[in-house]
N, C-alpha and C. Protein backbone atom coordinates (compact mmCIF):
# COMPACT_ATOMS: atom_id res chain seq x y z
N MET A 1 -4.10 43.16 14.02
CA MET A 1 -3.13 42.37 13.31
C MET A 1 -3.14 42.99 11.83
N ILE A 2 -1.89 43.18 11.36
CA ILE A 2 -1.77 43.66 9.98
C ILE A 2 -1.65 42.53 8.97
N ALA A 3 -2.47 42.59 7.97
CA ALA A 3 -2.41 41.47 6.98
C ALA A 3 -1.07 41.47 6.17
N GLN A 4 -0.58 40.25 6.01
CA GLN A 4 0.70 40.14 5.29
C GLN A 4 0.35 39.89 3.80
N THR A 5 0.34 41.01 2.91
CA THR A 5 -0.01 40.85 1.68
C THR A 5 1.13 40.78 0.82
N PRO A 6 1.03 40.22 -0.47
CA PRO A 6 2.19 40.14 -1.34
C PRO A 6 2.57 41.48 -1.96
N GLN A 7 3.53 41.46 -2.76
CA GLN A 7 3.93 42.74 -3.52
C GLN A 7 2.74 43.14 -4.42
N PRO A 8 2.49 44.43 -4.47
CA PRO A 8 1.42 44.92 -5.34
C PRO A 8 1.64 44.63 -6.82
N PRO A 9 0.79 44.54 -7.70
CA PRO A 9 -0.62 45.08 -7.41
C PRO A 9 -1.49 43.86 -6.85
N TYR A 10 -2.46 44.38 -6.10
CA TYR A 10 -3.47 43.46 -5.57
C TYR A 10 -4.78 44.49 -5.26
N TYR A 11 -5.82 43.93 -4.91
CA TYR A 11 -7.00 44.77 -4.57
C TYR A 11 -7.40 44.73 -3.11
N ALA A 12 -8.09 45.83 -2.74
CA ALA A 12 -8.58 46.04 -1.37
C ALA A 12 -9.97 46.31 -1.56
N VAL A 13 -10.79 45.73 -0.70
CA VAL A 13 -12.25 45.99 -0.55
C VAL A 13 -12.43 46.57 0.88
N ILE A 14 -12.78 47.87 0.88
CA ILE A 14 -12.95 48.65 2.17
C ILE A 14 -14.45 48.66 2.42
N PHE A 15 -14.85 48.14 3.49
CA PHE A 15 -16.15 48.03 3.95
C PHE A 15 -16.28 48.91 5.31
N THR A 16 -17.00 50.10 5.02
CA THR A 16 -17.19 51.03 6.17
C THR A 16 -18.64 50.89 6.54
N SER A 17 -18.94 50.84 7.92
CA SER A 17 -20.31 50.52 8.34
C SER A 17 -20.69 51.44 9.62
N ILE A 18 -21.95 51.62 9.76
CA ILE A 18 -22.48 52.12 11.04
C ILE A 18 -23.55 51.04 11.44
N ARG A 19 -23.31 50.42 12.70
CA ARG A 19 -24.00 49.42 13.09
C ARG A 19 -25.29 49.79 13.84
N THR A 20 -26.39 48.90 13.77
CA THR A 20 -27.54 49.08 14.69
C THR A 20 -27.17 48.68 15.95
N ALA A 21 -28.16 48.90 16.93
CA ALA A 21 -27.95 48.51 18.36
C ALA A 21 -28.09 47.03 18.49
N GLY A 22 -27.30 46.45 19.38
CA GLY A 22 -27.45 45.05 19.65
C GLY A 22 -26.58 44.08 18.81
N ASP A 23 -26.40 42.80 19.19
CA ASP A 23 -25.64 41.95 18.36
C ASP A 23 -26.64 41.17 17.36
N ASP A 24 -27.63 40.55 17.96
CA ASP A 24 -28.60 39.80 17.07
C ASP A 24 -27.93 38.84 16.11
N GLY A 25 -26.90 38.16 16.53
CA GLY A 25 -26.19 37.23 15.73
C GLY A 25 -25.09 37.67 14.83
N TYR A 26 -24.90 39.01 14.94
CA TYR A 26 -23.80 39.60 14.19
C TYR A 26 -22.37 39.12 14.39
N GLY A 27 -22.06 38.97 15.70
CA GLY A 27 -20.66 38.54 16.08
C GLY A 27 -20.41 37.19 15.56
N ASP A 28 -21.30 36.24 15.58
CA ASP A 28 -21.12 34.91 15.15
C ASP A 28 -20.98 34.86 13.55
N MET A 29 -21.86 35.58 12.94
CA MET A 29 -21.76 35.81 11.47
C MET A 29 -20.49 36.45 11.03
N ALA A 30 -20.10 37.46 11.69
CA ALA A 30 -18.67 38.07 11.36
C ALA A 30 -17.59 37.18 11.44
N THR A 31 -17.61 36.28 12.46
CA THR A 31 -16.57 35.32 12.60
C THR A 31 -16.59 34.27 11.50
N GLU A 32 -17.89 33.83 11.24
CA GLU A 32 -17.97 32.86 10.13
C GLU A 32 -17.47 33.37 8.80
N MET A 33 -17.87 34.71 8.43
CA MET A 33 -17.56 35.32 7.26
C MET A 33 -15.99 35.35 7.09
N GLY A 34 -15.36 35.82 8.21
CA GLY A 34 -13.88 35.74 8.15
C GLY A 34 -13.27 34.51 7.89
N GLU A 35 -13.79 33.44 8.48
CA GLU A 35 -13.18 32.12 8.22
C GLU A 35 -13.55 31.61 6.76
N LEU A 36 -14.78 31.99 6.41
CA LEU A 36 -15.23 31.49 4.97
C LEU A 36 -14.40 32.37 3.97
N ALA A 37 -14.18 33.65 4.04
CA ALA A 37 -13.38 34.37 3.14
C ALA A 37 -11.96 33.90 3.04
N ALA A 38 -11.39 33.49 4.14
CA ALA A 38 -10.00 32.98 4.16
C ALA A 38 -9.86 31.68 3.30
N ARG A 39 -10.94 30.99 3.09
CA ARG A 39 -10.79 29.71 2.29
C ARG A 39 -11.23 29.97 0.86
N GLN A 40 -11.38 31.26 0.48
CA GLN A 40 -11.70 31.55 -0.97
C GLN A 40 -10.44 31.83 -1.88
N ASN A 41 -10.52 31.28 -3.11
CA ASN A 41 -9.37 31.46 -4.02
C ASN A 41 -9.13 32.99 -4.22
N GLY A 42 -7.95 33.35 -4.01
CA GLY A 42 -7.50 34.82 -4.24
C GLY A 42 -7.64 35.62 -3.05
N TYR A 43 -8.06 35.06 -1.88
CA TYR A 43 -8.07 35.91 -0.66
C TYR A 43 -6.61 36.09 -0.17
N LEU A 44 -6.32 37.27 0.24
CA LEU A 44 -4.92 37.61 0.72
C LEU A 44 -4.88 38.01 2.15
N GLY A 45 -5.91 38.46 2.78
CA GLY A 45 -5.92 38.79 4.24
C GLY A 45 -7.06 39.87 4.58
N ILE A 46 -7.14 40.21 5.85
CA ILE A 46 -8.20 41.08 6.22
C ILE A 46 -7.65 41.94 7.53
N GLU A 47 -8.10 43.09 7.65
CA GLU A 47 -7.85 43.95 8.77
C GLU A 47 -9.19 44.64 9.16
N SER A 48 -9.52 44.78 10.54
CA SER A 48 -10.77 45.33 10.90
C SER A 48 -10.51 46.20 12.19
N ALA A 49 -11.39 47.24 12.16
CA ALA A 49 -11.45 48.09 13.46
C ALA A 49 -12.79 48.53 13.57
N ARG A 50 -13.21 48.73 14.88
CA ARG A 50 -14.59 49.17 15.07
C ARG A 50 -14.64 50.18 16.31
N ASN A 51 -15.35 51.25 16.19
CA ASN A 51 -15.74 52.02 17.21
C ASN A 51 -17.12 52.49 16.88
N GLU A 52 -17.44 53.73 16.79
CA GLU A 52 -18.77 54.18 16.27
C GLU A 52 -18.98 53.79 14.83
N THR A 53 -17.75 53.83 14.11
CA THR A 53 -17.82 53.46 12.73
C THR A 53 -16.93 52.18 12.49
N GLY A 54 -17.37 51.13 11.87
CA GLY A 54 -16.52 49.97 11.56
C GLY A 54 -15.88 50.06 10.19
N ILE A 55 -14.63 49.63 10.16
CA ILE A 55 -13.86 49.52 8.95
C ILE A 55 -13.37 48.18 8.85
N THR A 56 -13.58 47.49 7.68
CA THR A 56 -12.97 46.19 7.43
C THR A 56 -12.36 46.34 6.00
N VAL A 57 -11.07 45.96 5.89
CA VAL A 57 -10.52 45.88 4.60
C VAL A 57 -9.98 44.58 4.28
N SER A 58 -10.56 43.94 3.30
CA SER A 58 -10.02 42.66 2.83
C SER A 58 -9.26 42.80 1.61
N TYR A 59 -8.26 41.89 1.43
CA TYR A 59 -7.36 41.96 0.28
C TYR A 59 -7.55 40.80 -0.51
N TRP A 60 -7.47 41.02 -1.90
CA TRP A 60 -7.83 39.97 -2.88
C TRP A 60 -6.73 40.13 -4.07
N ALA A 61 -6.43 39.02 -4.65
CA ALA A 61 -5.56 38.89 -5.77
C ALA A 61 -6.09 39.52 -7.06
N SER A 62 -7.38 39.44 -7.24
CA SER A 62 -8.00 39.94 -8.55
C SER A 62 -9.40 40.40 -8.29
N LEU A 63 -9.91 41.15 -9.34
CA LEU A 63 -11.36 41.57 -9.40
C LEU A 63 -12.24 40.34 -9.44
N GLU A 64 -11.73 39.30 -10.20
CA GLU A 64 -12.49 38.09 -10.29
C GLU A 64 -12.70 37.41 -8.88
N ALA A 65 -11.75 37.40 -8.13
CA ALA A 65 -11.85 36.76 -6.80
C ALA A 65 -12.79 37.57 -5.84
N ILE A 66 -12.84 38.80 -6.07
CA ILE A 66 -13.75 39.73 -5.22
C ILE A 66 -15.21 39.30 -5.72
N LYS A 67 -15.45 39.23 -7.05
CA LYS A 67 -16.69 38.92 -7.58
C LYS A 67 -17.16 37.55 -7.10
N ASN A 68 -16.33 36.59 -7.12
CA ASN A 68 -16.66 35.32 -6.61
C ASN A 68 -16.97 35.28 -5.24
N TRP A 69 -16.30 35.99 -4.35
CA TRP A 69 -16.51 36.09 -2.94
C TRP A 69 -17.93 36.74 -2.72
N LYS A 70 -18.21 37.81 -3.39
CA LYS A 70 -19.63 38.39 -3.36
C LYS A 70 -20.75 37.35 -3.74
N ALA A 71 -20.42 36.45 -4.62
CA ALA A 71 -21.42 35.53 -5.06
C ALA A 71 -21.56 34.28 -4.16
N VAL A 72 -20.73 34.14 -3.16
CA VAL A 72 -20.91 32.91 -2.20
C VAL A 72 -22.18 33.02 -1.56
N SER A 73 -22.99 31.94 -1.51
CA SER A 73 -24.38 31.97 -1.08
C SER A 73 -24.42 32.36 0.37
N ARG A 74 -23.53 31.83 1.27
CA ARG A 74 -23.62 32.19 2.73
C ARG A 74 -23.22 33.67 2.84
N HIS A 75 -22.32 34.23 1.98
CA HIS A 75 -22.03 35.65 2.13
C HIS A 75 -23.20 36.38 1.69
N GLN A 76 -23.93 35.97 0.74
CA GLN A 76 -25.01 36.72 0.29
C GLN A 76 -26.10 36.84 1.31
N LEU A 77 -26.24 35.75 2.06
CA LEU A 77 -27.11 35.73 3.28
C LEU A 77 -26.70 36.75 4.32
N ALA A 78 -25.40 36.84 4.57
CA ALA A 78 -24.90 37.77 5.50
C ALA A 78 -25.09 39.26 5.02
N GLN A 79 -24.93 39.42 3.66
CA GLN A 79 -25.23 40.75 3.15
C GLN A 79 -26.77 41.18 3.32
N LYS A 80 -27.68 40.17 3.16
CA LYS A 80 -29.07 40.53 3.29
C LYS A 80 -29.44 40.80 4.81
N TYR A 81 -28.83 39.99 5.81
CA TYR A 81 -28.93 40.31 7.18
C TYR A 81 -28.37 41.71 7.64
N GLY A 82 -27.38 41.93 6.95
CA GLY A 82 -26.68 43.28 7.17
C GLY A 82 -27.61 44.39 6.78
N ARG A 83 -28.18 44.29 5.69
CA ARG A 83 -29.19 45.32 5.15
C ARG A 83 -30.42 45.33 5.94
N ASP A 84 -30.83 44.18 6.37
CA ASP A 84 -32.19 44.02 7.10
C ASP A 84 -32.07 44.42 8.59
N LYS A 85 -30.96 44.03 9.24
CA LYS A 85 -31.00 44.26 10.76
C LYS A 85 -29.61 44.69 11.35
N TRP A 86 -28.53 44.64 10.72
CA TRP A 86 -27.20 44.95 11.36
C TRP A 86 -26.65 46.20 11.11
N TYR A 87 -27.00 46.82 9.97
CA TYR A 87 -26.32 48.10 9.67
C TYR A 87 -27.40 49.23 9.51
N GLU A 88 -27.05 50.41 10.06
CA GLU A 88 -27.81 51.62 9.73
C GLU A 88 -27.46 51.95 8.29
N SER A 89 -26.18 52.02 8.00
CA SER A 89 -25.69 52.28 6.66
C SER A 89 -24.36 51.70 6.50
N TYR A 90 -23.91 51.52 5.13
CA TYR A 90 -22.54 51.03 4.90
C TYR A 90 -22.11 51.53 3.53
N LYS A 91 -20.86 51.37 3.25
CA LYS A 91 -20.31 51.77 1.91
C LYS A 91 -19.11 50.80 1.65
N VAL A 92 -19.16 50.34 0.36
CA VAL A 92 -18.07 49.47 -0.06
C VAL A 92 -17.32 50.19 -1.15
N ARG A 93 -16.01 50.13 -0.98
CA ARG A 93 -14.99 50.67 -1.99
C ARG A 93 -14.02 49.61 -2.46
N ILE A 94 -13.92 49.54 -3.71
CA ILE A 94 -12.87 48.46 -4.20
C ILE A 94 -11.74 49.23 -4.83
N CYS A 95 -10.55 49.03 -4.38
CA CYS A 95 -9.46 49.76 -4.83
C CYS A 95 -8.23 48.92 -5.38
N LEU A 96 -7.46 49.41 -6.25
CA LEU A 96 -6.29 48.70 -6.66
C LEU A 96 -5.20 49.18 -5.86
N VAL A 97 -4.49 48.32 -5.24
CA VAL A 97 -3.19 48.75 -4.43
C VAL A 97 -2.08 48.73 -5.42
N GLU A 98 -1.51 49.82 -5.62
CA GLU A 98 -0.35 49.90 -6.47
C GLU A 98 1.00 49.86 -5.83
N ARG A 99 0.86 50.30 -4.55
CA ARG A 99 2.19 50.44 -3.81
C ARG A 99 1.89 50.28 -2.30
N ASP A 100 2.68 49.54 -1.65
CA ASP A 100 2.67 49.49 -0.14
C ASP A 100 4.16 49.52 0.45
N TYR A 101 4.20 49.87 1.67
CA TYR A 101 5.51 49.76 2.36
C TYR A 101 5.19 49.64 3.82
N GLU A 102 6.11 49.24 4.68
CA GLU A 102 5.81 48.95 6.00
C GLU A 102 7.05 49.27 6.90
N PHE A 103 6.72 49.36 8.17
CA PHE A 103 7.73 49.57 9.25
C PHE A 103 7.60 48.47 10.24
């Protein structure tokens, strides 16, 4: 599903990851994080795809909203689990979306 974002400018957080083998609670936490993120002030939407490499892009109204999301205690726990058991590696990129268009 393609996120229905407002007119730019807004921000995108691109999370690219390589998973470890097995689920070990990952699927449930991913679902919970999606639901929790959607309740945060400044959240605009999310898109995700996974094969050997996973890419999740979340959209936010401001840098402050991104900072606040990163500080949510349950999200911090998910980040810890990610480093400890779910990801071989990951990278986070924060971008300003200046223009978008669609078909």
